[in-house]
C-alpha atoms as a PDB file:
ATOM      1  CA  MET A   1     147.483 103.572 107.097  1.00  0.00           C
ATOM      2  CA  PRO A   2     147.345 106.346 104.544  1.00  0.00           C
ATOM      3  CA  ILE A   3     150.943 105.904 103.404  1.00  0.00           C
ATOM      4  CA  VAL A   4     150.353 102.230 102.624  1.00  0.00           C
ATOM      5  CA  LEU A   5     147.294 103.059 100.535  1.00  0.00           C
ATOM      6  CA  TYR A   6     148.959 105.770  98.455  1.00  0.00           C
ATOM      7  CA  ARG A   7     147.726 105.469  94.848  1.00  0.00           C
ATOM      8  CA  CYS A   8     145.969 102.175  95.610  1.00  0.00           C
ATOM      9  CA  GLU A   9     143.296 103.142  93.088  1.00  0.00           C
ATOM     10  CA  THR A  10     145.621 101.994  90.325  1.00  0.00           C
ATOM     11  CA  TRP A  11     146.676  98.676  91.856  1.00  0.00           C
ATOM     12  CA  LEU A  12     145.700  95.372  90.286  1.00  0.00           C
ATOM     13  CA  LEU A  13     145.344  93.028  93.232  1.00  0.00           C
ATOM     14  CA  THR A  14     145.617  89.298  92.713  1.00  0.00           C
ATOM     15  CA  LEU A  15     144.517  86.959  95.498  1.00  0.00           C
ATOM     16  CA  ARG A  16     148.163  86.508  96.484  1.00  0.00           C
ATOM     17  CA  GLU A  17     148.685  90.261  96.734  1.00  0.00           C
ATOM     18  CA  GLU A  18     145.472  90.669  98.727  1.00  0.00           C
ATOM     19  CA  ARG A  19     146.774  88.108 101.200  1.00  0.00           C
ATOM     20  CA  ARG A  20     150.144  89.853 101.405  1.00  0.00           C
ATOM     21  CA  VAL A  21     148.479  93.232 102.072  1.00  0.00           C
ATOM     22  CA  ARG A  22     146.370  91.676 104.848  1.00  0.00           C
ATOM     23  CA  VAL A  23     149.459  90.034 106.365  1.00  0.00           C
ATOM     24  CA  PHE A  24     151.272  93.365 106.292  1.00  0.00           C
ATOM     25  CA  GLU A  25     148.330  95.131 107.932  1.00  0.00           C
ATOM     26  CA  ASN A  26     148.161  92.528 110.722  1.00  0.00           C
ATOM     27  CA  ARG A  27     151.921  92.745 111.250  1.00  0.00           C
ATOM     28  CA  VAL A  28     151.699  96.515 111.670  1.00  0.00           C
ATOM     29  CA  LEU A  29     148.717  96.221 114.017  1.00  0.00           C
ATOM     30  CA  ARG A  30     150.518  93.599 116.126  1.00  0.00           C
ATOM     31  CA  ARG A  31     153.451  95.969 116.400  1.00  0.00           C
ATOM     32  CA  ILE A  32     151.167  98.845 117.445  1.00  0.00           C
ATOM     33  CA  PHE A  33     149.072  96.940 119.992  1.00  0.00           C
ATOM     34  CA  GLY A  34     151.904  94.757 121.297  1.00  0.00           C
ATOM     35  CA  PRO A  35     151.681  91.323 122.874  1.00  0.00           C
ATOM     36  CA  LYS A  36     148.957  90.186 125.238  1.00  0.00           C
ATOM     37  CA  LYS A  37     149.453  88.369 128.505  1.00  0.00           C
ATOM     38  CA  ASP A  38     147.619  85.045 128.530  1.00  0.00           C
ATOM     39  CA  GLU A  39     145.262  84.881 131.532  1.00  0.00           C
ATOM     40  CA  VAL A  40     145.658  81.132 132.034  1.00  0.00           C
ATOM     41  CA  THR A  41     149.396  80.572 131.615  1.00  0.00           C
ATOM     42  CA  GLY A  42     150.604  84.084 132.375  1.00  0.00           C
ATOM     43  CA  GLU A  43     152.844  84.059 129.294  1.00  0.00           C
ATOM     44  CA  TRP A  44     153.011  86.759 126.663  1.00  0.00           C
ATOM     45  CA  ARG A  45     151.664  85.882 123.233  1.00  0.00           C
ATOM     46  CA  LYS A  46     150.905  87.499 119.895  1.00  0.00           C
ATOM     47  CA  LEU A  47     147.406  88.788 119.278  1.00  0.00           C
ATOM     48  CA  HIS A  48     145.214  86.638 117.048  1.00  0.00           C
ATOM     49  CA  ASN A  49     143.678  88.127 113.900  1.00  0.00           C
ATOM     50  CA  GLU A  50     140.210  88.233 115.479  1.00  0.00           C
ATOM     51  CA  GLU A  51     141.595  90.147 118.474  1.00  0.00           C
ATOM     52  CA  LEU A  52     143.288  92.612 116.126  1.00  0.00           C
ATOM     53  CA  ASN A  53     140.021  93.145 114.251  1.00  0.00           C
ATOM     54  CA  ASP A  54     138.226  93.785 117.550  1.00  0.00           C
ATOM     55  CA  LEU A  55     140.846  96.286 118.699  1.00  0.00           C
ATOM     56  CA  TYR A  56     141.170  98.058 115.356  1.00  0.00           C
ATOM     57  CA  CYS A  57     137.570  98.835 114.454  1.00  0.00           C
ATOM     58  CA  SER A  58     138.297  99.818 110.878  1.00  0.00           C
ATOM     59  CA  SER A  59     137.437  98.281 107.536  1.00  0.00           C
ATOM     60  CA  ASP A  60     139.495  95.502 106.063  1.00  0.00           C
ATOM     61  CA  ILE A  61     142.374  97.009 104.066  1.00  0.00           C
ATOM     62  CA  VAL A  62     141.428  95.084 100.919  1.00  0.00           C
ATOM     63  CA  ARG A  63     137.861  96.385 101.148  1.00  0.00           C
ATOM     64  CA  VAL A  64     139.230  99.931 101.456  1.00  0.00           C
ATOM     65  CA  ILE A  65     141.403  99.417  98.370  1.00  0.00           C
ATOM     66  CA  LYS A  66     138.496  98.057  96.331  1.00  0.00           C
ATOM     67  CA  SER A  67     136.156 100.854  97.393  1.00  0.00           C
ATOM     68  CA  ARG A  68     138.759 103.470  96.450  1.00  0.00           C
ATOM     69  CA  ARG A  69     139.197 101.797  93.059  1.00  0.00           C
ATOM     70  CA  MET A  70     135.455 101.930  92.435  1.00  0.00           C
ATOM     71  CA  ARG A  71     135.275 105.573  93.522  1.00  0.00           C
ATOM     72  CA  TRP A  72     138.166 106.411  91.194  1.00  0.00           C
ATOM     73  CA  ALA A  73     136.505 104.516  88.338  1.00  0.00           C
ATOM     74  CA  GLY A  74     133.388 106.599  88.872  1.00  0.00           C
ATOM     75  CA  HIS A  75     135.507 109.731  88.770  1.00  0.00           C
ATOM     76  CA  VAL A  76     137.123 108.638  85.508  1.00  0.00           C
ATOM     77  CA  ALA A  77     133.713 107.765  84.077  1.00  0.00           C
ATOM     78  CA  HIS A  78     132.488 111.274  84.943  1.00  0.00           C
ATOM     79  CA  MET A  79     135.411 112.906  83.147  1.00  0.00           C
ATOM     80  CA  GLY A  80     133.494 112.643  79.893  1.00  0.00           C
ATOM     81  CA  GLU A  81     134.407 111.672  76.377  1.00  0.00           C
ATOM     82  CA  GLU A  82     136.238 113.538  73.599  1.00  0.00           C
ATOM     83  CA  ASN A  83     133.308 115.855  72.887  1.00  0.00           C
ATOM     84  CA  GLY A  84     133.467 117.218  76.424  1.00  0.00           C
ATOM     85  CA  ARG A  85     129.942 116.211  77.427  1.00  0.00           C
ATOM     86  CA  ARG A  86     129.371 114.292  80.606  1.00  0.00           C
ATOM     87  CA  PRO A  87     127.168 111.202  80.667  1.00  0.00           C
ATOM     88  CA  ALA A  88     123.752 111.370  82.313  1.00  0.00           C
ATOM     89  CA  PRO A  89     123.951 111.039  86.130  1.00  0.00           C
ATOM     90  CA  GLU A  90     122.014 107.773  86.250  1.00  0.00           C
ATOM     91  CA  ALA A  91     124.212 106.269  83.517  1.00  0.00           C
ATOM     92  CA  ALA A  92     127.380 107.352  85.287  1.00  0.00           C
ATOM     93  CA  TYR A  93     126.115 105.945  88.587  1.00  0.00           C
ATOM     94  CA  THR A  94     125.219 102.623  86.986  1.00  0.00           C
ATOM     95  CA  LEU A  95     128.598 102.508  85.275  1.00  0.00           C
ATOM     96  CA  SER A  96     130.537 103.183  88.468  1.00  0.00           C
ATOM     97  CA  VAL A  97     128.546 100.677  90.520  1.00  0.00           C
ATOM     98  CA  LYS A  98     128.530  97.791  88.044  1.00  0.00           C
ATOM     99  CA  MET A  99     132.171  97.881  86.921  1.00  0.00           C
ATOM    100  CA  SER A 100     134.085  94.786  87.904  1.00  0.00           C
ATOM    101  CA  ASP A 101     137.846  94.775  88.343  1.00  0.00           C
ATOM    102  CA  PHE A 102     138.339  93.529  84.797  1.00  0.00           C
ATOM    103  CA  ILE A 103     136.084  96.147  83.255  1.00  0.00           C
ATOM    104  CA  VAL A 104     137.643  98.910  85.325  1.00  0.00           C
ATOM    105  CA  THR A 105     141.116  97.827  84.282  1.00  0.00           C
ATOM    106  CA  SER A 106     140.335  97.632  80.567  1.00  0.00           C
ATOM    107  CA  TYR A 107     138.426 100.921  80.637  1.00  0.00           C
ATOM    108  CA  LEU A 108     141.254 102.727  82.393  1.00  0.00           C
ATOM    109  CA  LYS A 109     143.862 101.276  80.032  1.00  0.00           C
ATOM    110  CA  GLU A 110     141.829 102.562  77.094  1.00  0.00           C
ATOM    111  CA  LYS A 111     141.531 106.017  78.662  1.00  0.00           C
ATOM    112  CA  LEU A 112     145.243 106.074  79.468  1.00  0.00           C
ATOM    113  CA  SER A 113     146.197 105.147  75.913  1.00  0.00           C
ATOM    114  CA  LYS A 114     143.928 107.926  74.587  1.00  0.00           C
ATOM    115  CA  LEU A 115     145.531 110.423  76.964  1.00  0.00           C
ATOM    116  CA  ARG A 116     149.021 109.318  75.945  1.00  0.00           C
ATOM    117  CA  SER A 117     148.203 109.604  72.256  1.00  0.00           C
ATOM    118  CA  PHE A 118     146.693 113.045  72.925  1.00  0.00           C
ATOM    119  CA  ASP A 119     149.818 114.169  74.829  1.00  0.00           C
ATOM    120  CA  SER A 120     152.147 112.979  72.075  1.00  0.00           C
ATOM    121  CA  GLN A 121     150.384 115.107  69.432  1.00  0.00           C
END
């Protein structure tokens, strides 16, 4: 679902939004895989979430979003500071691994404000 995940690195997901993204993913997968004929009753029914997960052997969409956010945060951390020097590799790795959603968000807001002030000069 590349089109759904476009620019997901910048999303701030609340629990409600995570649920909505999962619901959307399951709706799309149900549409792709179609209904299943029940072996006992012979009636057609929707696939359950567990059946969808078994058929679609890919990571959970929320996990993909969070991993892309962490990868992007590591990229931003490697961009360096004003003096143009990059941090030491072990420091950058530790920074990218240990950043929580809150820290990532505040760090990126700070970087964005610096970039905007730099662009306006």
